Amino acid sequence: MSFPFLLLMVGGLIFMSAWLLTNRVLKVQIKQLNIERIKSRVGLSSQYVKQSSNYNQCWWCTIGRAIGPESHKEISLLRRQLISAGYRQDSHIGSYFFIKYALIVSSILITSLAWSWQGISPLWIISVPIVFLLLPERILIHLGQRRLGLINQNLPDFLDMCNICMNAGLSYLVALKRVSQELKEVHPEICYEFEYLLDQIQLGVPRSEALHQFAERNPTKDIQTLIQVLIQNEKLGSSISAALNDFSRRMYQTRQELLEEKAAKTSAKMAVVIMPFLMAPYLILLLSEKFVLLARGM
């Protein structure tokens, strides 16, 4: 095969790839513009125009969304994982796919160059891209679990502050808003979630539906129980302050029991670690006399 023909083939492949990528990006932009027109009819035009301008400035987000999968199921699963990790904007989906595929392509190029120049094993060309294919998802899951752990850890303190505000005369929603503003610098994760809940209620979302969405965004056992308590008290019309107080007390009691259980298990675990260090001097003292007697007998 002659060199000009090979160069012509490579140029043709590059042209076709660029043309297909441009068409895909244009389709994604048209879809986003249609969503903008729909959302502008329900009173969210200013907020969405601001988000869409940021999305248009983020060129890598557009490329990532264009080269990403089109399956609605995969996009929904990724959106839930991003929301659990604290990333809520639509541009974050494109950023995730761009970073993921950029890492894969870069690892293939680097390992190929290392194989051709340094003579490394060809298995690295296969294993390293596979690692980068699975690594972003695992990191995203880890960030989501870490964030949910912080929310679960700070929930009793947040509810105690809300209970104090409600006992001072504030209503349920006003207490949530006040505590979210006061604790934003100390516990930003849980404050952001409750502020988002209040924004949904102010936009007209029914309170029960907003609470269910809150539980879906934060799938932990304590959050699920809290949402059930709030919905039940809202239906029955009982005191929310007393329900929050009882719920926070139960959380503190459960955590105290877990700490006591861990403390009780610590002694057994430490015994396994300390036992060899205790037995070694005893064995030395026990066997040294025998060794000395054997040496003298010889």
Foldseek 3Di string as FASTA:
>chain_A
DDPVVVVVVVVVVVVVVVVLLVVLLVVVLVVLVVVQVVVVVLPCNVVSVVLVVVLVVPVQLSSQVSPDDPDPVVVVVVCLLCLLLPHHRSSVNSVLSSVLVVQLVVQLVVVVVCCVPVVDDCVSNVVRSVCSNPVSVVVSNVSSVVLLVLLLVCVLVLLVQLLVVVVVPDDNLVSLLVSLVVCCVPRVSNSVLSVVLSVCVVSPDDNLVSLVVSCSSRVDPLSVVLSVLVVVCVVVVDDPSVSSVVSSVVSVVVVVVVVVVVVVVVVVVVCVVCVVVVVVVVVCVVCVVVVVVVVVVD
